[in-house]
């Protein structure tokens, strides 16, 4: 099915409102973007406007957008005082917290250039990232508890499209990226909402199976990775659909192909090697490995972006520990596209992955009612950051370790070892 661009935007916007957010009548909607960039890219404006139309049709009482201008960000790196890069917005962190506490929805739209800051000094990039992470930590804490319905989607931007399709003529890059986003978000199906319902049911069946297993640990081998990740008692495998504390079902990522849970912050040992580049704060980190001992990163190596990666790990005490472990089959539609997106939202749905930093409290039984001390005592990690990176491939094997120490296959050569 070939859709006109306006029709594609309308379908995508309806999907974001109905499936991703499940926006409720009377809720406000705040549209943001990567916070280090200030907000949603100006190139995403046509999509954001269409989302506003869909949200109002769903009964939203008010739709607002916070915009970020990449040219403005570059101006800062060129001309701002070198000692000012620890500064962040004085009002935005408070506004985000108050919006979420009020029970209103948040949608993050990514349309940004992953190489925006490739020429900037790594120390300045790291300073900005740390300032943002510390400033918005209360907001991310609420998100980790599913305090309200939130979601992340993407829109095609010129810088991003040029990175994904460098060999296409410039005028074809953005339309091609839109085509791929549409296909991977199932906009080409006769009824995208129904197609997503079927897909989410399949992911839920997988997470239900893993929850019945109660694995004590996962053991990874292949592709330069030899890693054991302990899982805390009461860990919960979560699939595409989550539920807010007020009972609203929502789907936090479009697309989504993962099932994920919480690792024990003190029980990660071995070496993990990335299988895809990580775009972090406008800088690419590539071909990197992390060595863990008793849960903590003890060695960092990278062919590109090593200093930025080290700064990430050093953000705070929890940034060098894991907060998420996610399993994705190598045969996922994102993987089978054959594309490297330089964007975590898409690349993490092409490969199994882990995340440095804070764990989601809803991935531990009773976690969303725990304070930080209780959560950490149960094995959960707390940090100002949460950064996913990809470790899956067609050569990765994953074994589940049962409480008696016996093991059984979970994934073989990147695919599920057992059908559900």
Protein backbone atom coordinates (compact mmCIF):
# COMPACT_ATOMS: atom_id res chain seq x y z
CA UNK A 1 0.00 0.00 0.00
CA UNK A 2 1.38 3.39 -0.99
CA UNK A 3 0.18 6.26 1.19
CA UNK A 4 0.29 9.96 0.43
CA UNK A 5 2.49 11.82 2.92
CA UNK A 6 -0.42 13.65 4.57
CA UNK A 7 -2.28 10.37 5.01
CA UNK A 8 0.84 8.76 6.47
CA UNK A 9 1.24 11.58 9.00
CA UNK A 10 -2.40 11.26 10.01
CA UNK A 11 -2.11 7.49 10.50
CA UNK A 12 1.12 7.90 12.44
CA UNK A 13 -0.34 10.63 14.63
CA UNK A 14 -3.46 8.59 15.37
CA UNK A 15 -1.25 5.62 16.25
CA UNK A 16 0.84 7.77 18.59
CA UNK A 17 -2.27 9.07 20.35
CA UNK A 18 -4.35 5.87 20.42
CA UNK A 19 -1.74 3.12 20.83
CA UNK A 20 1.44 4.72 22.14
CA UNK A 21 -0.15 7.12 24.62
CA UNK A 22 -3.73 5.85 24.82
CA UNK A 23 -4.52 9.48 25.54
CA UNK A 24 -7.56 9.96 27.77
CA UNK A 25 -10.21 12.63 27.37
CA UNK A 26 -9.35 15.61 29.54
CA UNK A 27 -5.62 14.90 29.66
CA UNK A 28 -3.12 17.52 28.57
CA UNK A 29 -0.34 16.48 26.20
CA UNK A 30 3.19 17.83 26.26
CA UNK A 31 5.37 17.12 23.20
CA UNK A 32 9.12 17.22 23.86
CA UNK A 33 12.28 15.93 22.23
CA UNK A 34 15.81 15.06 23.37
CA UNK A 35 16.24 17.31 26.40
CA UNK A 36 19.91 17.99 25.66
CA UNK A 37 18.66 19.59 22.42
CA UNK A 38 16.09 21.68 24.28
CA UNK A 39 13.02 19.96 22.84
CA UNK A 40 11.49 18.62 19.64
CA UNK A 41 13.35 19.37 16.42
CA UNK A 42 11.85 22.14 14.30
CA UNK A 43 11.89 19.68 11.39
CA UNK A 44 9.30 17.62 13.26
CA UNK A 45 6.79 20.49 13.23
CA UNK A 46 4.43 18.98 10.58
CA UNK A 47 4.26 15.75 12.58
CA UNK A 48 3.76 17.54 15.91
CA UNK A 49 0.94 19.64 14.45
CA UNK A 50 -0.80 16.54 13.17
CA UNK A 51 -0.35 14.88 16.57
CA UNK A 52 -2.06 17.89 18.12
CA UNK A 53 -5.03 17.41 15.77
CA UNK A 54 -5.26 13.72 16.70
CA UNK A 55 -4.94 14.51 20.40
CA UNK A 56 -7.70 17.09 20.32
CA UNK A 57 -9.96 14.63 18.49
CA UNK A 58 -9.26 12.18 21.32
CA UNK A 59 -10.40 14.74 23.88
CA UNK A 60 -7.13 16.41 24.96
CA UNK A 61 -7.78 19.59 26.90
CA UNK A 62 -4.52 21.24 25.82
CA UNK A 63 -1.56 20.29 23.61
CA UNK A 64 1.77 22.08 24.07
CA UNK A 65 5.19 21.60 22.48
CA UNK A 66 8.67 22.45 23.68
CA UNK A 67 10.96 23.08 20.72
CA UNK A 68 14.68 22.64 20.35
CA UNK A 69 16.71 24.26 17.57
CA UNK A 70 19.86 22.38 16.58
CA UNK A 71 21.40 25.55 15.10
CA UNK A 72 20.91 27.23 18.47
CA UNK A 73 22.67 24.34 20.16
CA UNK A 74 25.60 24.61 17.75
CA UNK A 75 25.82 28.33 18.49
CA UNK A 76 26.32 27.49 22.15
CA UNK A 77 29.19 25.13 21.40
CA UNK A 78 30.83 27.70 19.13
CA UNK A 79 30.46 30.81 21.23
CA UNK A 80 29.31 30.24 24.82
CA UNK A 81 31.80 30.72 27.69
CA UNK A 82 33.71 27.49 28.19
CA UNK A 83 32.82 27.40 31.88
CA UNK A 84 29.06 27.65 31.25
CA UNK A 85 28.35 24.17 29.93
CA UNK A 86 27.16 22.92 33.29
CA UNK A 87 24.13 25.22 32.99
CA UNK A 88 20.65 23.93 32.14
CA UNK A 89 17.18 25.44 31.95
CA UNK A 90 16.01 26.90 35.25
CA UNK A 91 12.33 26.29 34.53
CA UNK A 92 12.03 23.17 32.35
CA UNK A 93 12.77 20.50 35.00
CA UNK A 94 10.08 21.91 37.29
CA UNK A 95 7.58 22.18 34.43
CA UNK A 96 8.12 18.53 33.44
CA UNK A 97 7.62 17.31 37.01
CA UNK A 98 4.47 19.35 37.53
CA UNK A 99 3.01 18.15 34.23
CA UNK A 100 3.56 14.48 35.12
CA UNK A 101 2.36 14.90 38.70
CA UNK A 102 -0.82 16.35 37.27
CA UNK A 103 -1.46 13.06 35.46
CA UNK A 104 -0.87 14.43 31.98
CA UNK A 105 0.72 12.67 29.00
CA UNK A 106 4.23 13.17 27.59
CA UNK A 107 5.31 12.35 24.03
CA UNK A 108 8.95 12.62 22.98
CA UNK A 109 9.57 13.03 19.25
CA UNK A 110 13.04 12.31 17.85
CA UNK A 111 14.05 13.80 14.49
CA UNK A 112 17.59 14.85 15.33
CA UNK A 113 21.00 14.68 13.67
CA UNK A 114 23.00 11.94 15.45
CA UNK A 115 26.26 13.60 14.33
CA UNK A 116 25.31 17.13 15.33
CA UNK A 117 28.17 17.55 17.82
CA UNK A 118 30.79 15.38 16.15
CA UNK A 119 33.20 18.33 15.99
CA UNK A 120 32.59 19.56 19.53
CA UNK A 121 35.02 19.06 22.39
CA UNK A 122 34.12 15.80 24.20
CA UNK A 123 34.51 17.50 27.57
CA UNK A 124 31.87 20.07 26.71
CA UNK A 125 29.50 17.43 25.32
CA UNK A 126 29.92 15.42 28.51
CA UNK A 127 29.32 18.49 30.67
CA UNK A 128 26.02 19.20 28.90
CA UNK A 129 24.90 15.60 29.19
CA UNK A 130 25.66 15.50 32.91
CA UNK A 131 23.91 18.83 33.52
CA UNK A 132 20.79 17.61 31.73
CA UNK A 133 20.83 14.24 33.48
CA UNK A 134 21.08 15.73 36.96
CA UNK A 135 18.53 18.48 36.27
CA UNK A 136 15.77 16.22 34.93
CA UNK A 137 16.36 13.31 37.31
CA UNK A 138 13.11 13.97 39.27
CA UNK A 139 11.16 13.85 35.99
CA UNK A 140 12.83 10.59 34.95
CA UNK A 141 12.14 9.16 38.40
CA UNK A 142 8.42 9.70 37.84
CA UNK A 143 8.68 8.12 34.39
CA UNK A 144 10.46 5.10 35.91
CA UNK A 145 7.39 4.58 38.09
CA UNK A 146 4.97 4.93 35.16
CA UNK A 147 3.43 7.86 36.96
CA UNK A 148 1.66 8.82 33.72
CA UNK A 149 1.35 7.65 30.12
CA UNK A 150 4.45 8.50 28.10
CA UNK A 151 5.91 7.44 24.77
CA UNK A 152 8.76 7.98 22.33
CA UNK A 153 8.36 8.10 18.55
CA UNK A 154 10.45 9.42 15.67
CA UNK A 155 10.08 11.76 12.73
CA UNK A 156 12.37 12.00 9.72
CA UNK A 157 14.86 14.86 9.84
CA UNK A 158 17.41 15.82 7.19
CA UNK A 159 20.54 15.25 9.29
CA UNK A 160 19.32 11.88 10.52
CA UNK A 161 18.17 10.81 7.04
CA UNK A 162 21.54 11.74 5.55
CA UNK A 163 23.27 9.54 8.12
CA UNK A 164 21.03 6.53 7.40
CA UNK A 165 21.04 6.94 3.60
CA UNK A 166 24.33 8.68 2.72
CA UNK A 167 24.43 7.25 -0.81
CA UNK A 168 21.01 8.57 -1.87
CA UNK A 169 20.55 11.97 -3.49
CA UNK A 170 19.77 14.56 -0.82
CA UNK A 171 16.22 15.09 -2.05
CA UNK A 172 15.44 11.36 -1.63
CA UNK A 173 16.84 10.86 1.88
CA UNK A 174 14.02 12.25 4.04
CA UNK A 175 11.21 10.62 1.99
CA UNK A 176 13.03 7.27 2.18
CA UNK A 177 13.39 7.55 5.95
CA UNK A 178 9.70 8.36 6.27
CA UNK A 179 8.90 5.26 4.21
CA UNK A 180 10.98 3.09 6.54
CA UNK A 181 9.49 4.61 9.69
CA UNK A 182 6.02 3.99 8.29
CA UNK A 183 6.74 0.37 7.44
CA UNK A 184 8.37 -0.45 10.79
CA UNK A 185 5.49 1.23 12.63
CA UNK A 186 3.01 -0.85 10.58
CA UNK A 187 1.41 2.17 8.92
CA UNK A 188 1.26 0.18 5.68
CA UNK A 189 -1.22 -2.30 7.19
CA UNK A 190 -4.92 -1.90 6.33
CA UNK A 191 -5.63 -1.23 10.03
CA UNK A 192 -2.45 -0.16 11.84
CA UNK A 193 -4.15 -0.05 15.25
CA UNK A 194 -5.38 -3.64 14.87
CA UNK A 195 -1.96 -4.75 13.61
CA UNK A 196 -0.37 -3.27 16.71
CA UNK A 197 -2.86 -5.00 18.96
CA UNK A 198 -1.89 -8.37 17.46
CA UNK A 199 1.81 -7.58 17.77
CA UNK A 200 1.51 -6.46 21.39
CA UNK A 201 -0.34 -9.66 22.27
CA UNK A 202 2.56 -11.68 20.88
CA UNK A 203 5.09 -9.73 22.94
CA UNK A 204 2.93 -10.20 26.04
CA UNK A 205 2.94 -13.98 25.51
CA UNK A 206 6.76 -13.92 25.47
CA UNK A 207 7.03 -11.85 28.66
CA UNK A 208 4.47 -14.12 30.37
CA UNK A 209 6.61 -17.16 29.49
CA UNK A 210 9.76 -15.56 30.91
CA UNK A 211 7.95 -14.49 34.07
CA UNK A 212 6.93 -18.09 34.70
CA UNK A 213 10.59 -19.15 34.52
CA UNK A 214 11.88 -16.98 37.40
CA UNK A 215 15.46 -17.14 36.14
CA UNK A 216 18.15 -16.27 38.67
CA UNK A 217 20.47 -14.99 35.94
CA UNK A 218 21.06 -14.74 32.20
CA UNK A 219 24.33 -15.85 30.59
CA UNK A 220 25.42 -14.27 27.29
CA UNK A 221 28.03 -15.64 24.90
CA UNK A 222 29.03 -14.69 21.36
CA UNK A 223 30.08 -11.66 19.35
CA UNK A 224 32.77 -10.65 21.83
CA UNK A 225 30.39 -10.85 24.78
CA UNK A 226 30.89 -13.20 27.74
CA UNK A 227 28.60 -11.83 30.41
CA UNK A 228 26.48 -13.06 33.30
CA UNK A 229 23.64 -10.81 34.47
CA UNK A 230 21.99 -11.68 37.77
CA UNK A 231 18.27 -11.02 38.09
CA UNK A 232 16.77 -9.94 41.44
CA UNK A 233 14.00 -11.84 43.17
CA UNK A 234 10.69 -10.38 42.03
CA UNK A 235 11.98 -9.17 38.66
CA UNK A 236 9.20 -8.69 36.11
CA UNK A 237 9.54 -9.14 32.36
CA UNK A 238 7.67 -6.35 30.59
CA UNK A 239 6.68 -6.22 26.94
CA UNK A 240 5.49 -3.41 24.70
CA UNK A 241 2.49 -2.41 26.78
CA UNK A 242 2.69 -0.90 30.26
CA UNK A 243 0.13 0.47 32.69
CA UNK A 244 0.28 3.77 34.58
CA UNK A 245 -0.28 3.92 38.31
CA UNK A 246 -3.78 5.23 37.53
CA UNK A 247 -4.55 2.25 35.26
CA UNK A 248 -3.98 3.65 31.74
CA UNK A 249 -2.48 1.12 29.31
CA UNK A 250 0.13 2.61 26.98
CA UNK A 251 2.97 1.57 24.65
CA UNK A 252 6.12 3.52 25.47
CA UNK A 253 8.00 2.97 22.19
CA UNK A 254 6.94 2.91 18.54
CA UNK A 255 8.34 0.69 17.15
CA UNK A 256 8.86 -1.94 19.86
CA UNK A 257 10.08 -5.52 19.47
CA UNK A 258 11.57 -6.12 22.94
CA UNK A 259 10.79 -7.77 26.22
CA UNK A 260 12.82 -6.38 29.12
CA UNK A 261 13.42 -6.61 32.84
CA UNK A 262 15.63 -5.39 35.66
CA UNK A 263 19.15 -6.71 36.29
CA UNK A 264 20.57 -6.94 39.80
CA UNK A 265 22.86 -3.94 40.14
CA UNK A 266 25.57 -5.92 41.99
CA UNK A 267 25.51 -9.17 40.02
CA UNK A 268 26.89 -8.37 36.55
CA UNK A 269 30.24 -9.90 35.64
CA UNK A 270 32.22 -10.27 32.43
CA UNK A 271 32.71 -8.41 29.18
CA UNK A 272 30.01 -7.02 26.92
CA UNK A 273 30.74 -5.76 23.40
CA UNK A 274 28.50 -3.44 21.40
CA UNK A 275 27.18 -4.60 18.05
CA UNK A 276 25.90 -1.21 16.85
CA UNK A 277 27.10 2.38 17.35
CA UNK A 278 25.56 4.41 20.16
CA UNK A 279 24.41 7.95 19.37
CA UNK A 280 24.62 9.84 22.65
CA UNK A 281 24.10 13.57 22.94
CA UNK A 282 24.98 14.32 19.32
CA UNK A 283 28.14 12.16 19.45
CA UNK A 284 28.68 8.64 18.09
CA UNK A 285 30.34 6.03 20.27
CA UNK A 286 31.40 3.01 18.23
CA UNK A 287 33.05 -0.41 18.59
CA UNK A 288 33.14 -0.34 22.36
CA UNK A 289 33.37 -2.85 25.18
CA UNK A 290 32.67 -2.66 28.89
CA UNK A 291 34.11 -4.96 31.52
CA UNK A 292 32.01 -5.54 34.65
CA UNK A 293 32.96 -6.89 38.07
CA UNK A 294 30.37 -7.26 40.85
CA UNK A 295 27.96 -5.08 38.89
CA UNK A 296 30.22 -2.13 38.18
CA UNK A 297 32.05 -1.10 35.00
CA UNK A 298 35.76 -1.45 35.68
CA UNK A 299 37.12 -0.89 32.15
CA UNK A 300 35.94 1.06 29.10
CA UNK A 301 37.35 0.77 25.59
CA UNK A 302 36.03 2.28 22.34
CA UNK A 303 37.43 2.93 18.88
CA UNK A 304 35.38 6.12 18.68
CA UNK A 305 33.97 8.32 21.45
CA UNK A 306 35.78 6.62 24.33
CA UNK A 307 36.09 9.80 26.38
CA UNK A 308 32.35 10.55 26.03
CA UNK A 309 31.56 6.97 27.04
CA UNK A 310 33.84 7.25 30.08
CA UNK A 311 32.14 10.50 31.08
CA UNK A 312 28.77 8.76 30.77
CA UNK A 313 29.91 5.93 33.03
CA UNK A 314 31.25 8.49 35.53
CA UNK A 315 28.06 10.60 35.65
CA UNK A 316 27.22 9.27 39.13
CA UNK A 317 27.58 6.13 41.23
CA UNK A 318 24.85 4.29 39.32
CA UNK A 319 25.86 5.26 35.78
CA UNK A 320 28.46 2.48 35.64
CA UNK A 321 25.93 -0.23 36.50
CA UNK A 322 23.12 -1.77 34.47
CA UNK A 323 19.47 -0.77 34.82
CA UNK A 324 17.84 -2.77 32.03
CA UNK A 325 18.29 -6.02 30.14
CA UNK A 326 16.20 -6.52 26.99
CA UNK A 327 15.85 -9.42 24.57
CA UNK A 328 15.06 -8.88 20.87
CA UNK A 329 15.20 -11.59 18.19
CA UNK A 330 17.62 -10.99 15.33
CA UNK A 331 14.70 -11.62 12.95
CA UNK A 332 12.79 -8.55 14.16
CA UNK A 333 11.47 -6.31 11.36
CA UNK A 334 13.90 -3.55 12.36
CA UNK A 335 16.84 -5.93 12.10
CA UNK A 336 15.62 -7.37 8.82
CA UNK A 337 15.47 -3.88 7.30
CA UNK A 338 19.26 -4.17 7.09
CA UNK A 339 19.64 -0.54 8.16
CA UNK A 340 21.71 1.04 10.88
CA UNK A 341 19.62 3.91 12.24
CA UNK A 342 22.09 5.62 14.58
CA UNK A 343 19.07 6.08 16.79
CA UNK A 344 18.39 4.07 19.94
CA UNK A 345 14.62 3.93 19.44
CA UNK A 346 15.09 1.92 16.26
CA UNK A 347 18.43 0.21 16.77
CA UNK A 348 17.42 -1.20 20.16
CA UNK A 349 14.52 -2.94 18.44
CA UNK A 350 16.93 -4.61 16.01
CA UNK A 351 19.06 -6.25 18.69
CA UNK A 352 19.12 -7.44 22.27
CA UNK A 353 20.47 -4.70 24.48
CA UNK A 354 21.26 -3.49 27.97
CA UNK A 355 21.15 -0.04 29.52
CA UNK A 356 23.59 1.78 31.73
CA UNK A 357 22.06 3.68 34.60
CA UNK A 358 18.69 3.82 36.25
CA UNK A 359 16.30 0.88 36.34
CA UNK A 360 12.57 1.20 35.80
CA UNK A 361 10.86 0.60 39.12
CA UNK A 362 7.89 -1.04 37.42
CA UNK A 363 10.16 -3.94 36.38
CA UNK A 364 10.36 -5.13 40.00
CA UNK A 365 7.36 -6.46 41.93
CA UNK A 366 6.26 -3.65 44.25
CA UNK A 367 9.08 -1.43 42.95
CA UNK A 368 6.90 1.53 42.06
CA UNK A 369 5.95 1.86 45.76
CA UNK A 370 9.57 1.65 47.01
CA UNK A 371 11.76 4.57 47.94
CA UNK A 372 15.26 4.65 46.45
CA UNK A 373 16.87 2.94 49.44
CA UNK A 374 14.40 0.08 49.40
CA UNK A 375 14.74 -0.28 45.65
CA UNK A 376 18.52 -0.42 45.78
CA UNK A 377 18.41 -2.95 48.64
CA UNK A 378 16.26 -5.16 46.40
CA UNK A 379 18.86 -4.92 43.62
CA UNK A 380 17.56 -1.98 41.60
CA UNK A 381 19.94 0.65 40.25
CA UNK A 382 19.42 4.40 40.58
CA UNK A 383 21.13 6.99 38.42
CA UNK A 384 20.52 10.28 36.64
CA UNK A 385 21.06 8.50 33.29
CA UNK A 386 19.48 5.63 31.36
CA UNK A 387 21.32 4.85 28.12
CA UNK A 388 20.62 1.74 26.03
CA UNK A 389 23.24 0.11 23.82
CA UNK A 390 22.99 -2.88 21.52
CA UNK A 391 24.75 -6.22 22.12
CA UNK A 392 22.62 -8.64 20.08
CA UNK A 393 23.53 -10.31 16.79
CA UNK A 394 23.06 -13.51 14.82
CA UNK A 395 25.92 -15.03 16.85
CA UNK A 396 24.59 -14.28 20.34
CA UNK A 397 23.43 -17.11 22.61
CA UNK A 398 21.54 -16.47 25.84
CA UNK A 399 20.98 -19.05 28.57
CA UNK A 400 18.67 -18.80 31.54
CA UNK A 401 20.14 -19.87 34.88
CA UNK A 402 17.56 -21.46 37.20
CA UNK A 403 17.64 -21.19 40.97
CA UNK A 404 19.28 -24.63 41.28
CA UNK A 405 22.11 -23.56 38.98
CA UNK A 406 20.99 -25.53 35.94
CA UNK A 407 20.75 -23.71 32.62
CA UNK A 408 18.47 -23.83 29.61
CA UNK A 409 18.54 -22.04 26.26
CA UNK A 410 16.63 -18.78 25.91
CA UNK A 411 18.12 -17.61 22.59
CA UNK A 412 20.30 -19.36 20.05
CA UNK A 413 22.11 -17.46 17.29
CA UNK A 414 20.00 -14.44 18.09
CA UNK A 415 16.61 -16.20 17.88
CA UNK A 416 14.19 -17.46 20.50
CA UNK A 417 15.02 -21.02 21.46
CA UNK A 418 11.43 -21.83 22.49
CA UNK A 419 8.18 -20.92 20.75
CA UNK A 420 5.32 -19.53 22.84
